C-alpha atoms as a PDB file:
ATOM      1  CA  MET A   1      75.103  24.552 139.021  1.00  0.00           C
ATOM      2  CA  ASN A   2      73.199  27.829 139.583  1.00  0.00           C
ATOM      3  CA  ILE A   3      69.904  27.291 141.439  1.00  0.00           C
ATOM      4  CA  TRP A   4      67.410  30.124 141.867  1.00  0.00           C
ATOM      5  CA  PHE A   5      64.689  30.383 144.518  1.00  0.00           C
ATOM      6  CA  ASN A   6      62.323  33.263 143.762  1.00  0.00           C
ATOM      7  CA  HIS A   7      59.962  34.713 146.399  1.00  0.00           C
ATOM      8  CA  TRP A   8      59.472  31.798 148.808  1.00  0.00           C
ATOM      9  CA  PHE A   9      58.444  31.206 152.409  1.00  0.00           C
ATOM     10  CA  SER A  10      61.240  32.028 154.828  1.00  0.00           C
ATOM     11  CA  THR A  11      61.465  28.290 155.584  1.00  0.00           C
ATOM     12  CA  ALA A  12      63.149  27.923 152.183  1.00  0.00           C
ATOM     13  CA  VAL A  13      66.338  28.459 154.180  1.00  0.00           C
ATOM     14  CA  HIS A  14      66.020  24.827 155.271  1.00  0.00           C
ATOM     15  CA  LEU A  15      65.378  23.564 151.732  1.00  0.00           C
ATOM     16  CA  ILE A  16      68.499  25.300 150.440  1.00  0.00           C
ATOM     17  CA  ARG A  17      70.607  23.912 153.270  1.00  0.00           C
ATOM     18  CA  LEU A  18      69.279  20.408 152.602  1.00  0.00           C
ATOM     19  CA  MET A  19      70.272  20.680 148.935  1.00  0.00           C
ATOM     20  CA  ARG A  20      73.745  21.908 149.923  1.00  0.00           C
ATOM     21  CA  ALA A  21      74.164  19.080 152.424  1.00  0.00           C
ATOM     22  CA  ALA A  22      74.126  16.509 149.611  1.00  0.00           C
ATOM     23  CA  GLY A  23      77.308  18.010 148.168  1.00  0.00           C
ATOM     24  CA  GLY A  24      78.187  19.086 144.651  1.00  0.00           C
ATOM     25  CA  ASP A  25      79.149  22.364 143.044  1.00  0.00           C
ATOM     26  CA  LEU A  26      75.978  24.287 143.851  1.00  0.00           C
ATOM     27  CA  ARG A  27      75.544  28.062 143.815  1.00  0.00           C
ATOM     28  CA  PHE A  28      72.262  29.466 145.106  1.00  0.00           C
ATOM     29  CA  LEU A  29      70.506  32.666 144.110  1.00  0.00           C
ATOM     30  CA  GLY A  30      67.592  34.150 146.032  1.00  0.00           C
ATOM     31  CA  THR A  31      65.099  36.899 145.323  1.00  0.00           C
ATOM     32  CA  SER A  32      62.093  38.279 147.182  1.00  0.00           C
ATOM     33  CA  THR A  33      60.060  41.433 147.557  1.00  0.00           C
ATOM     34  CA  ASN A  34      60.928  41.066 151.251  1.00  0.00           C
ATOM     35  CA  PRO A  35      64.559  42.198 151.659  1.00  0.00           C
ATOM     36  CA  ARG A  36      64.700  40.527 155.097  1.00  0.00           C
ATOM     37  CA  ALA A  37      63.552  37.082 153.989  1.00  0.00           C
ATOM     38  CA  LEU A  38      65.349  34.520 156.136  1.00  0.00           C
ATOM     39  CA  TYR A  39      66.641  32.446 153.208  1.00  0.00           C
ATOM     40  CA  ARG A  40      68.723  35.448 152.186  1.00  0.00           C
ATOM     41  CA  GLU A  41      71.221  34.118 154.746  1.00  0.00           C
ATOM     42  CA  ALA A  42      71.519  30.781 152.907  1.00  0.00           C
ATOM     43  CA  VAL A  43      72.153  31.940 149.324  1.00  0.00           C
ATOM     44  CA  ASP A  44      75.301  33.085 147.529  1.00  0.00           C
ATOM     45  CA  VAL A  45      73.638  35.859 145.508  1.00  0.00           C
ATOM     46  CA  TRP A  46      70.664  37.986 146.538  1.00  0.00           C
ATOM     47  CA  GLU A  47      68.501  40.492 144.675  1.00  0.00           C
ATOM     48  CA  ASP A  48      65.325  42.281 145.708  1.00  0.00           C
ATOM     49  CA  GLU A  49      62.345  41.371 143.541  1.00  0.00           C
ATOM     50  CA  PRO A  50      60.280  44.123 141.934  1.00  0.00           C
ATOM     51  CA  GLU A  51      56.493  44.057 142.277  1.00  0.00           C
ATOM     52  CA  PHE A  52      54.516  43.140 139.159  1.00  0.00           C
ATOM     53  CA  ALA A  53      50.749  43.300 138.741  1.00  0.00           C
ATOM     54  CA  ALA A  54      50.568  41.004 135.712  1.00  0.00           C
ATOM     55  CA  ASP A  55      51.810  37.412 135.401  1.00  0.00           C
ATOM     56  CA  ASP A  56      53.256  38.074 131.945  1.00  0.00           C
ATOM     57  CA  ASP A  57      55.418  40.914 133.247  1.00  0.00           C
ATOM     58  CA  TYR A  58      56.715  38.725 136.059  1.00  0.00           C
ATOM     59  CA  VAL A  59      57.531  35.880 133.669  1.00  0.00           C
ATOM     60  CA  GLN A  60      59.461  38.237 131.382  1.00  0.00           C
ATOM     61  CA  TRP A  61      61.431  39.529 134.367  1.00  0.00           C
ATOM     62  CA  ALA A  62      62.142  35.936 135.470  1.00  0.00           C
ATOM     63  CA  LEU A  63      63.395  34.999 131.994  1.00  0.00           C
ATOM     64  CA  THR A  64      65.726  38.014 132.003  1.00  0.00           C
ATOM     65  CA  PHE A  65      66.966  37.064 135.482  1.00  0.00           C
ATOM     66  CA  CYS A  66      67.714  33.511 134.311  1.00  0.00           C
ATOM     67  CA  ARG A  67      69.577  34.777 131.258  1.00  0.00           C
ATOM     68  CA  THR A  68      71.591  37.356 133.235  1.00  0.00           C
ATOM     69  CA  HIS A  69      72.594  34.939 136.007  1.00  0.00           C
ATOM     70  CA  ASP A  70      73.060  31.745 133.943  1.00  0.00           C
ATOM     71  CA  VAL A  71      70.421  29.939 135.984  1.00  0.00           C
ATOM     72  CA  ASP A  72      70.450  26.158 135.529  1.00  0.00           C
ATOM     73  CA  VAL A  73      67.569  25.227 137.852  1.00  0.00           C
ATOM     74  CA  PHE A  74      64.681  27.514 138.823  1.00  0.00           C
ATOM     75  CA  VAL A  75      62.705  26.633 141.996  1.00  0.00           C
ATOM     76  CA  PRO A  76      59.617  28.853 141.760  1.00  0.00           C
ATOM     77  CA  ARG A  77      56.886  29.493 144.299  1.00  0.00           C
ATOM     78  CA  ARG A  78      55.547  32.939 143.402  1.00  0.00           C
ATOM     79  CA  ARG A  79      53.561  32.933 140.115  1.00  0.00           C
ATOM     80  CA  LEU A  80      54.072  29.179 139.887  1.00  0.00           C
ATOM     81  CA  ALA A  81      51.283  28.472 137.391  1.00  0.00           C
ATOM     82  CA  ALA A  82      52.358  31.272 135.033  1.00  0.00           C
ATOM     83  CA  ILE A  83      55.980  30.131 135.155  1.00  0.00           C
ATOM     84  CA  VAL A  84      55.001  26.520 134.414  1.00  0.00           C
ATOM     85  CA  GLU A  85      52.921  27.675 131.449  1.00  0.00           C
ATOM     86  CA  ALA A  86      56.057  29.414 130.113  1.00  0.00           C
ATOM     87  CA  ARG A  87      58.127  26.225 130.517  1.00  0.00           C
ATOM     88  CA  GLU A  88      59.248  26.181 126.868  1.00  0.00           C
ATOM     89  CA  ALA A  89      60.636  29.722 127.123  1.00  0.00           C
ATOM     90  CA  PHE A  90      62.705  28.725 130.148  1.00  0.00           C
ATOM     91  CA  ALA A  91      63.808  25.490 128.451  1.00  0.00           C
ATOM     92  CA  ALA A  92      65.034  27.538 125.477  1.00  0.00           C
ATOM     93  CA  LEU A  93      67.457  29.221 127.886  1.00  0.00           C
ATOM     94  CA  GLY A  94      68.624  25.842 129.218  1.00  0.00           C
ATOM     95  CA  VAL A  95      66.715  26.327 132.503  1.00  0.00           C
ATOM     96  CA  ARG A  96      65.175  23.300 134.202  1.00  0.00           C
ATOM     97  CA  LEU A  97      62.078  24.114 136.259  1.00  0.00           C
ATOM     98  CA  PHE A  98      61.885  22.471 139.674  1.00  0.00           C
ATOM     99  CA  ALA A  99      58.117  22.472 139.191  1.00  0.00           C
ATOM    100  CA  PRO A 100      55.260  20.437 137.722  1.00  0.00           C
ATOM    101  CA  ASP A 101      54.934  20.152 133.940  1.00  0.00           C
ATOM    102  CA  ASP A 102      51.215  20.909 133.661  1.00  0.00           C
ATOM    103  CA  GLY A 103      50.205  24.563 134.053  1.00  0.00           C
ATOM    104  CA  ALA A 104      46.477  23.777 133.854  1.00  0.00           C
ATOM    105  CA  LEU A 105      46.843  21.309 136.720  1.00  0.00           C
ATOM    106  CA  VAL A 106      48.678  23.885 138.853  1.00  0.00           C
ATOM    107  CA  HIS A 107      45.876  26.393 138.197  1.00  0.00           C
ATOM    108  CA  ALA A 108      43.295  23.798 139.254  1.00  0.00           C
ATOM    109  CA  LEU A 109      45.161  23.018 142.475  1.00  0.00           C
ATOM    110  CA  ASP A 110      45.192  26.735 143.323  1.00  0.00           C
ATOM    111  CA  ASP A 111      41.378  26.657 143.465  1.00  0.00           C
ATOM    112  CA  LYS A 112      39.741  24.482 146.146  1.00  0.00           C
ATOM    113  CA  ASP A 113      36.528  24.038 144.142  1.00  0.00           C
ATOM    114  CA  ALA A 114      38.481  22.978 141.032  1.00  0.00           C
ATOM    115  CA  THR A 115      40.599  20.640 143.184  1.00  0.00           C
ATOM    116  CA  TYR A 116      37.527  18.888 144.565  1.00  0.00           C
ATOM    117  CA  LYS A 117      36.037  18.549 141.079  1.00  0.00           C
ATOM    118  CA  LEU A 118      39.345  17.017 139.975  1.00  0.00           C
ATOM    119  CA  LEU A 119      39.168  14.459 142.800  1.00  0.00           C
ATOM    120  CA  GLN A 120      35.638  13.548 141.764  1.00  0.00           C
ATOM    121  CA  SER A 121      36.762  13.040 138.164  1.00  0.00           C
ATOM    122  CA  TRP A 122      39.424  10.645 139.474  1.00  0.00           C
ATOM    123  CA  GLY A 123      36.837   8.609 141.394  1.00  0.00           C
ATOM    124  CA  LEU A 124      38.073   9.887 144.766  1.00  0.00           C
ATOM    125  CA  ASP A 125      34.751  11.396 145.869  1.00  0.00           C
ATOM    126  CA  ALA A 126      35.215  10.019 149.394  1.00  0.00           C
ATOM    127  CA  LEU A 127      38.037  12.533 149.961  1.00  0.00           C
ATOM    128  CA  VAL A 128      35.772  15.528 149.255  1.00  0.00           C
ATOM    129  CA  PRO A 129      34.116  17.077 152.328  1.00  0.00           C
ATOM    130  CA  PRO A 130      30.455  18.178 152.047  1.00  0.00           C
ATOM    131  CA  TYR A 131      31.286  21.747 151.017  1.00  0.00           C
ATOM    132  CA  ARG A 132      29.214  24.536 149.495  1.00  0.00           C
ATOM    133  CA  MET A 133      30.620  27.121 147.062  1.00  0.00           C
ATOM    134  CA  VAL A 134      28.919  30.490 147.505  1.00  0.00           C
ATOM    135  CA  HIS A 135      28.982  33.696 145.448  1.00  0.00           C
ATOM    136  CA  SER A 136      26.892  36.034 147.609  1.00  0.00           C
ATOM    137  CA  LEU A 137      26.055  36.863 151.220  1.00  0.00           C
ATOM    138  CA  ASP A 138      22.572  35.335 150.867  1.00  0.00           C
ATOM    139  CA  ALA A 139      24.090  32.114 149.534  1.00  0.00           C
ATOM    140  CA  PHE A 140      26.569  32.144 152.435  1.00  0.00           C
ATOM    141  CA  ARG A 141      23.756  32.444 154.968  1.00  0.00           C
ATOM    142  CA  ALA A 142      21.801  29.640 153.307  1.00  0.00           C
ATOM    143  CA  ALA A 143      24.867  27.337 153.273  1.00  0.00           C
ATOM    144  CA  VAL A 144      25.580  28.009 156.942  1.00  0.00           C
ATOM    145  CA  ASP A 145      21.953  27.314 157.891  1.00  0.00           C
ATOM    146  CA  GLU A 146      21.955  24.074 155.910  1.00  0.00           C
ATOM    147  CA  LEU A 147      25.161  22.773 157.484  1.00  0.00           C
ATOM    148  CA  GLN A 148      24.227  23.858 161.000  1.00  0.00           C
ATOM    149  CA  ARG A 149      20.977  21.888 160.739  1.00  0.00           C
ATOM    150  CA  THR A 150      23.151  18.755 160.469  1.00  0.00           C
ATOM    151  CA  GLY A 151      24.766  19.649 163.800  1.00  0.00           C
ATOM    152  CA  ALA A 152      28.106  20.617 162.226  1.00  0.00           C
ATOM    153  CA  ARG A 153      30.333  23.440 163.317  1.00  0.00           C
ATOM    154  CA  VAL A 154      30.801  25.576 160.227  1.00  0.00           C
ATOM    155  CA  CYS A 155      33.975  27.075 158.794  1.00  0.00           C
ATOM    156  CA  TYR A 156      34.787  28.977 155.627  1.00  0.00           C
ATOM    157  CA  LYS A 157      37.668  30.206 153.473  1.00  0.00           C
ATOM    158  CA  LEU A 158      38.217  31.672 150.051  1.00  0.00           C
ATOM    159  CA  ALA A 159      38.346  29.162 147.211  1.00  0.00           C
ATOM    160  CA  VAL A 160      41.810  30.499 146.328  1.00  0.00           C
ATOM    161  CA  ASP A 161      43.954  30.606 149.448  1.00  0.00           C
ATOM    162  CA  GLU A 162      47.456  29.654 150.611  1.00  0.00           C
ATOM    163  CA  GLY A 163      48.533  28.760 154.114  1.00  0.00           C
ATOM    164  CA  ALA A 164      44.920  28.925 155.417  1.00  0.00           C
ATOM    165  CA  THR A 165      45.174  32.731 155.506  1.00  0.00           C
ATOM    166  CA  THR A 166      41.410  33.227 155.018  1.00  0.00           C
ATOM    167  CA  PHE A 167      40.273  30.187 157.041  1.00  0.00           C
ATOM    168  CA  ARG A 168      37.761  30.983 159.831  1.00  0.00           C
ATOM    169  CA  VAL A 169      35.626  28.865 162.165  1.00  0.00           C
ATOM    170  CA  MET A 170      32.290  30.323 163.222  1.00  0.00           C
ATOM    171  CA  ASP A 171      31.800  30.158 166.986  1.00  0.00           C
ATOM    172  CA  ASP A 172      29.322  32.347 168.871  1.00  0.00           C
ATOM    173  CA  ARG A 173      30.856  31.282 172.190  1.00  0.00           C
ATOM    174  CA  LEU A 174      33.414  34.032 171.593  1.00  0.00           C
ATOM    175  CA  VAL A 175      30.991  36.515 173.209  1.00  0.00           C
ATOM    176  CA  GLU A 176      30.439  34.404 176.341  1.00  0.00           C
ATOM    177  CA  PRO A 177      32.337  35.234 179.586  1.00  0.00           C
ATOM    178  CA  SER A 178      34.328  31.970 179.296  1.00  0.00           C
ATOM    179  CA  ALA A 179      36.012  33.450 176.203  1.00  0.00           C
ATOM    180  CA  LEU A 180      38.145  35.563 178.559  1.00  0.00           C
ATOM    181  CA  TRP A 181      40.263  32.464 179.204  1.00  0.00           C
ATOM    182  CA  THR A 182      40.492  31.074 175.677  1.00  0.00           C
ATOM    183  CA  MET A 183      42.450  32.112 172.623  1.00  0.00           C
ATOM    184  CA  PRO A 184      40.140  32.971 169.719  1.00  0.00           C
ATOM    185  CA  GLY A 185      42.622  31.877 167.031  1.00  0.00           C
ATOM    186  CA  ALA A 186      40.870  31.814 163.657  1.00  0.00           C
ATOM    187  CA  LYS A 187      37.371  31.984 165.175  1.00  0.00           C
ATOM    188  CA  VAL A 188      34.685  34.561 164.457  1.00  0.00           C
ATOM    189  CA  THR A 189      31.062  34.879 165.491  1.00  0.00           C
ATOM    190  CA  ARG A 190      28.438  34.384 162.806  1.00  0.00           C
ATOM    191  CA  ALA A 191      27.476  38.056 163.066  1.00  0.00           C
ATOM    192  CA  ALA A 192      31.092  39.102 162.515  1.00  0.00           C
ATOM    193  CA  ALA A 193      31.439  36.744 159.556  1.00  0.00           C
ATOM    194  CA  GLU A 194      28.318  38.162 157.926  1.00  0.00           C
ATOM    195  CA  ALA A 195      29.478  41.736 158.563  1.00  0.00           C
ATOM    196  CA  ILE A 196      32.839  40.979 156.915  1.00  0.00           C
ATOM    197  CA  LEU A 197      31.337  39.167 153.937  1.00  0.00           C
ATOM    198  CA  GLY A 198      28.631  41.799 153.590  1.00  0.00           C
ATOM    199  CA  ALA A 199      31.336  44.195 152.395  1.00  0.00           C
ATOM    200  CA  TYR A 200      33.002  41.585 150.164  1.00  0.00           C
ATOM    201  CA  ASP A 201      32.409  41.403 146.395  1.00  0.00           C
ATOM    202  CA  PHE A 202      32.878  37.602 146.100  1.00  0.00           C
ATOM    203  CA  HIS A 203      35.200  37.975 143.093  1.00  0.00           C
ATOM    204  CA  ILE A 204      36.826  34.902 144.615  1.00  0.00           C
ATOM    205  CA  PRO A 205      33.992  32.658 145.826  1.00  0.00           C
ATOM    206  CA  VAL A 206      33.807  31.377 149.390  1.00  0.00           C
ATOM    207  CA  LEU A 207      33.983  27.736 150.419  1.00  0.00           C
ATOM    208  CA  VAL A 208      31.616  26.845 153.308  1.00  0.00           C
ATOM    209  CA  LEU A 209      32.023  23.436 154.929  1.00  0.00           C
ATOM    210  CA  PRO A 210      31.804  21.544 158.233  1.00  0.00           C
ATOM    211  CA  TYR A 211      34.763  22.045 160.538  1.00  0.00           C
ATOM    212  CA  LEU A 212      36.787  18.827 160.411  1.00  0.00           C
ATOM    213  CA  MET A 213      37.635  17.968 164.018  1.00  0.00           C
ATOM    214  CA  GLY A 214      40.441  15.416 163.702  1.00  0.00           C
ATOM    215  CA  PRO A 215      44.212  15.759 163.294  1.00  0.00           C
ATOM    216  CA  GLU A 216      45.759  17.358 160.210  1.00  0.00           C
ATOM    217  CA  ILE A 217      48.090  15.145 158.194  1.00  0.00           C
ATOM    218  CA  SER A 218      50.674  16.741 155.921  1.00  0.00           C
ATOM    219  CA  VAL A 219      52.155  14.192 153.519  1.00  0.00           C
ATOM    220  CA  ASP A 220      55.463  15.189 151.925  1.00  0.00           C
ATOM    221  CA  ALA A 221      55.626  13.095 148.774  1.00  0.00           C
ATOM    222  CA  LEU A 222      57.861  12.503 145.777  1.00  0.00           C
ATOM    223  CA  HIS A 223      57.480  10.020 142.930  1.00  0.00           C
ATOM    224  CA  ALA A 224      61.171   9.055 142.781  1.00  0.00           C
ATOM    225  CA  THR A 225      62.984   6.676 140.444  1.00  0.00           C
ATOM    226  CA  GLN A 226      63.542   4.175 143.258  1.00  0.00           C
ATOM    227  CA  GLY A 227      59.902   4.337 144.390  1.00  0.00           C
ATOM    228  CA  ASP A 228      57.416   6.640 146.067  1.00  0.00           C
ATOM    229  CA  ILE A 229      58.617   8.662 149.035  1.00  0.00           C
ATOM    230  CA  LEU A 230      55.644   9.213 151.361  1.00  0.00           C
ATOM    231  CA  LEU A 231      56.254  10.993 154.672  1.00  0.00           C
ATOM    232  CA  PRO A 232      52.954  11.566 156.551  1.00  0.00           C
ATOM    233  CA  ARG A 233      53.349  14.185 159.305  1.00  0.00           C
ATOM    234  CA  TYR A 234      50.546  14.199 161.869  1.00  0.00           C
ATOM    235  CA  LYS A 235      50.563  17.770 163.136  1.00  0.00           C
ATOM    236  CA  GLY A 236      50.306  18.360 166.860  1.00  0.00           C
ATOM    237  CA  GLY A 237      51.286  21.883 167.827  1.00  0.00           C
ATOM    238  CA  ARG A 238      54.859  21.921 169.069  1.00  0.00           C
ATOM    239  CA  TYR A 239      55.479  18.391 167.847  1.00  0.00           C
ATOM    240  CA  SER A 240      54.668  16.416 164.728  1.00  0.00           C
ATOM    241  CA  THR A 241      54.650  12.633 164.442  1.00  0.00           C
ATOM    242  CA  LEU A 242      55.474  10.707 161.290  1.00  0.00           C
ATOM    243  CA  ARG A 243      53.301   7.619 161.055  1.00  0.00           C
ATOM    244  CA  TRP A 244      52.617   5.363 158.065  1.00  0.00           C
ATOM    245  CA  GLU A 245      48.977   4.341 158.435  1.00  0.00           C
ATOM    246  CA  ALA A 246      47.737   2.129 155.624  1.00  0.00           C
ATOM    247  CA  ASP A 247      44.766   4.254 154.532  1.00  0.00           C
ATOM    248  CA  ILE A 248      46.767   7.490 154.266  1.00  0.00           C
ATOM    249  CA  VAL A 249      49.608   5.729 152.432  1.00  0.00           C
ATOM    250  CA  ALA A 250      47.141   4.149 149.971  1.00  0.00           C
ATOM    251  CA  LEU A 251      45.335   7.442 149.312  1.00  0.00           C
ATOM    252  CA  SER A 252      48.618   9.315 148.884  1.00  0.00           C
ATOM    253  CA  THR A 253      49.829   6.696 146.421  1.00  0.00           C
ATOM    254  CA  LYS A 254      46.634   7.059 144.351  1.00  0.00           C
ATOM    255  CA  LEU A 255      46.937  10.839 144.325  1.00  0.00           C
ATOM    256  CA  LEU A 256      50.584  10.687 143.245  1.00  0.00           C
ATOM    257  CA  ARG A 257      49.622   8.456 140.323  1.00  0.00           C
ATOM    258  CA  HIS A 258      46.966  10.892 139.151  1.00  0.00           C
ATOM    259  CA  LEU A 259      49.159  13.968 139.650  1.00  0.00           C
ATOM    260  CA  ALA A 260      52.088  12.423 137.730  1.00  0.00           C
ATOM    261  CA  MET A 261      54.573  15.015 139.045  1.00  0.00           C
ATOM    262  CA  ARG A 262      58.339  14.530 139.083  1.00  0.00           C
ATOM    263  CA  VAL A 263      58.913  17.090 141.862  1.00  0.00           C
ATOM    264  CA  PRO A 264      57.923  17.110 145.553  1.00  0.00           C
ATOM    265  CA  VAL A 265      54.249  17.625 146.309  1.00  0.00           C
ATOM    266  CA  ASN A 266      52.457  18.203 149.605  1.00  0.00           C
ATOM    267  CA  LEU A 267      49.126  16.487 150.312  1.00  0.00           C
ATOM    268  CA  GLN A 268      47.038  17.897 153.155  1.00  0.00           C
ATOM    269  CA  PHE A 269      44.440  15.661 154.810  1.00  0.00           C
ATOM    270  CA  ARG A 270      42.262  16.123 157.863  1.00  0.00           C
ATOM    271  CA  MET A 271      40.541  13.370 159.780  1.00  0.00           C
ATOM    272  CA  HIS A 272      36.883  13.672 160.779  1.00  0.00           C
ATOM    273  CA  GLU A 273      34.810  10.997 162.492  1.00  0.00           C
ATOM    274  CA  GLY A 274      37.371   8.343 161.595  1.00  0.00           C
ATOM    275  CA  ARG A 275      37.779   9.137 157.892  1.00  0.00           C
ATOM    276  CA  PRO A 276      40.249  11.303 155.966  1.00  0.00           C
ATOM    277  CA  TYR A 277      39.268  14.267 153.817  1.00  0.00           C
ATOM    278  CA  LEU A 278      41.537  16.248 151.531  1.00  0.00           C
ATOM    279  CA  LEU A 279      42.185  19.868 152.478  1.00  0.00           C
ATOM    280  CA  GLU A 280      44.474  20.768 149.573  1.00  0.00           C
ATOM    281  CA  ILE A 281      47.293  19.692 147.289  1.00  0.00           C
ATOM    282  CA  ASN A 282      50.357  21.947 147.128  1.00  0.00           C
ATOM    283  CA  PRO A 283      52.346  21.324 143.912  1.00  0.00           C
ATOM    284  CA  ARG A 284      55.588  22.377 145.596  1.00  0.00           C
ATOM    285  CA  MET A 285      57.721  21.638 148.641  1.00  0.00           C
ATOM    286  CA  ALA A 286      55.893  22.308 151.912  1.00  0.00           C
ATOM    287  CA  GLY A 287      57.015  24.915 154.401  1.00  0.00           C
ATOM    288  CA  GLY A 288      57.570  22.129 156.945  1.00  0.00           C
ATOM    289  CA  LEU A 289      59.299  19.618 154.656  1.00  0.00           C
ATOM    290  CA  GLN A 290      62.512  19.943 156.650  1.00  0.00           C
ATOM    291  CA  LEU A 291      60.743  18.351 159.640  1.00  0.00           C
ATOM    292  CA  SER A 292      60.021  15.185 157.651  1.00  0.00           C
ATOM    293  CA  CYS A 293      63.586  15.135 156.326  1.00  0.00           C
ATOM    294  CA  ALA A 294      65.091  15.562 159.793  1.00  0.00           C
ATOM    295  CA  ALA A 295      62.905  12.818 161.263  1.00  0.00           C
ATOM    296  CA  THR A 296      63.575  10.222 158.569  1.00  0.00           C
ATOM    297  CA  GLY A 297      67.017  11.117 157.207  1.00  0.00           C
ATOM    298  CA  ILE A 298      65.514  11.280 153.700  1.00  0.00           C
ATOM    299  CA  ASN A 299      66.751  14.413 151.945  1.00  0.00           C
ATOM    300  CA  VAL A 300      63.744  15.010 149.682  1.00  0.00           C
ATOM    301  CA  PRO A 301      64.930  18.330 148.131  1.00  0.00           C
ATOM    302  CA  ALA A 302      68.332  16.862 147.209  1.00  0.00           C
ATOM    303  CA  ILE A 303      66.806  13.636 145.843  1.00  0.00           C
ATOM    304  CA  ALA A 304      64.381  15.644 143.697  1.00  0.00           C
ATOM    305  CA  LEU A 305      67.160  17.946 142.466  1.00  0.00           C
ATOM    306  CA  ALA A 306      69.331  14.974 141.496  1.00  0.00           C
ATOM    307  CA  GLN A 307      66.404  13.358 139.671  1.00  0.00           C
ATOM    308  CA  LEU A 308      65.673  16.590 137.809  1.00  0.00           C
ATOM    309  CA  VAL A 309      69.187  16.774 136.372  1.00  0.00           C
ATOM    310  CA  GLY A 310      69.321  13.082 135.467  1.00  0.00           C
ATOM    311  CA  ARG A 311      71.114  11.629 138.481  1.00  0.00           C
ATOM    312  CA  GLU A 312      69.930   9.155 141.074  1.00  0.00           C
ATOM    313  CA  MET A 313      70.489   9.655 144.791  1.00  0.00           C
ATOM    314  CA  PRO A 314      69.934   6.561 146.963  1.00  0.00           C
ATOM    315  CA  TRP A 315      67.611   6.672 149.972  1.00  0.00           C
ATOM    316  CA  ARG A 316      65.783   4.260 152.225  1.00  0.00           C
ATOM    317  CA  MET A 317      62.740   4.421 154.434  1.00  0.00           C
ATOM    318  CA  PRO A 318      63.338   4.302 158.195  1.00  0.00           C
ATOM    319  CA  GLN A 319      62.653   1.110 160.113  1.00  0.00           C
ATOM    320  CA  GLU A 320      60.697   2.922 162.833  1.00  0.00           C
ATOM    321  CA  LYS A 321      56.922   2.927 162.477  1.00  0.00           C
ATOM    322  CA  GLU A 322      56.507   6.195 164.359  1.00  0.00           C
ATOM    323  CA  ILE A 323      58.891   9.153 164.708  1.00  0.00           C
ATOM    324  CA  THR A 324      58.222  12.368 166.623  1.00  0.00           C
ATOM    325  CA  VAL A 325      59.924  15.616 165.639  1.00  0.00           C
ATOM    326  CA  ALA A 326      59.868  19.007 167.391  1.00  0.00           C
ATOM    327  CA  ASN A 327      58.669  22.057 165.428  1.00  0.00           C
ATOM    328  CA  LEU A 328      61.570  24.335 166.289  1.00  0.00           C
ATOM    329  CA  GLU A 329      61.639  27.862 164.918  1.00  0.00           C
ATOM    330  CA  THR A 330      64.791  29.531 163.616  1.00  0.00           C
ATOM    331  CA  PRO A 331      65.441  32.833 165.408  1.00  0.00           C
ATOM    332  CA  LEU A 332      65.985  35.884 163.229  1.00  0.00           C
ATOM    333  CA  VAL A 333      67.030  39.306 164.497  1.00  0.00           C
ATOM    334  CA  LEU A 334      65.386  42.176 162.633  1.00  0.00           C
ATOM    335  CA  GLU A 335      66.147  45.846 162.654  1.00  0.00           C
ATOM    336  CA  LYS A 336      64.161  47.831 165.189  1.00  0.00           C
ATOM    337  CA  GLY A 337      60.653  48.507 163.910  1.00  0.00           C
ATOM    338  CA  ALA A 338      61.026  46.170 160.914  1.00  0.00           C
ATOM    339  CA  SER A 339      58.396  43.627 159.978  1.00  0.00           C
ATOM    340  CA  LEU A 340      58.792  40.244 158.289  1.00  0.00           C
ATOM    341  CA  HIS A 341      56.215  39.175 155.721  1.00  0.00           C
ATOM    342  CA  GLU A 342      56.109  36.220 153.350  1.00  0.00           C
END
């Protein structure tokens, strides 16, 4: 079986190894615009990906790649929504997509505002934080003033974002002497935020919301034939702890029912003042899925692959109620002066 991963996070190396570990006649192909992507070391065939401005051009290239390499299963990350919308064209080549079926849903999950509106339509309003969607600098200032009057610390990010790349917390303490001993991380002063956004055209609107102070919970989930796999990882820096608390399990189960996906999905929650809010839904395998698999012994990528091709792979939940796993990085030696980007 030929399995293709297009441009993915470098942590896809772990996903490929997990699929291999389950056995079978599997041959992996990898592509990326980054010729030093770590998962290059885990595949049997590698090609550099060209850059394409338009989704349609990328999809046509992907179809040609599938035809040329006799791809049986395509595991897309880049241009996911466009690829899902072209599902019938891939199916005509005999290619199964390791991806959701609904392109419109994937588009909605790419947009935080659309995601929150989706939750509200499902009756899950309690998961939506009190956010403001702004389309101008004046609207940004007004939203910040409104939220600060409630006593909240304020943060913001673009409505379309991946991996919290644009996420910032506003904190004017950065200009106090005590800031010499603290790491700024993703913090900016309000003046800096306004200076940055003053030069921004807001073609992608900005989400303004209270900073949620509690732990982040990343739930690796799969609606499997045998039952729902729900692996809630409570993130804690160097370590993560898997813990099955009733409210998170119940909310994850409801979300899985509404999403109706047959492939792994990642649900991101954050606690604040004792209640969970949804940060985002990733309609793909998470970059840290291997941590959940290592902690529980449940090989989610292999189970999902087997299910996709019409086989069933047995699994069982661990007996432990709490499991801690270390977030170890995989070392990679690069050529002198080289950079690694996703």
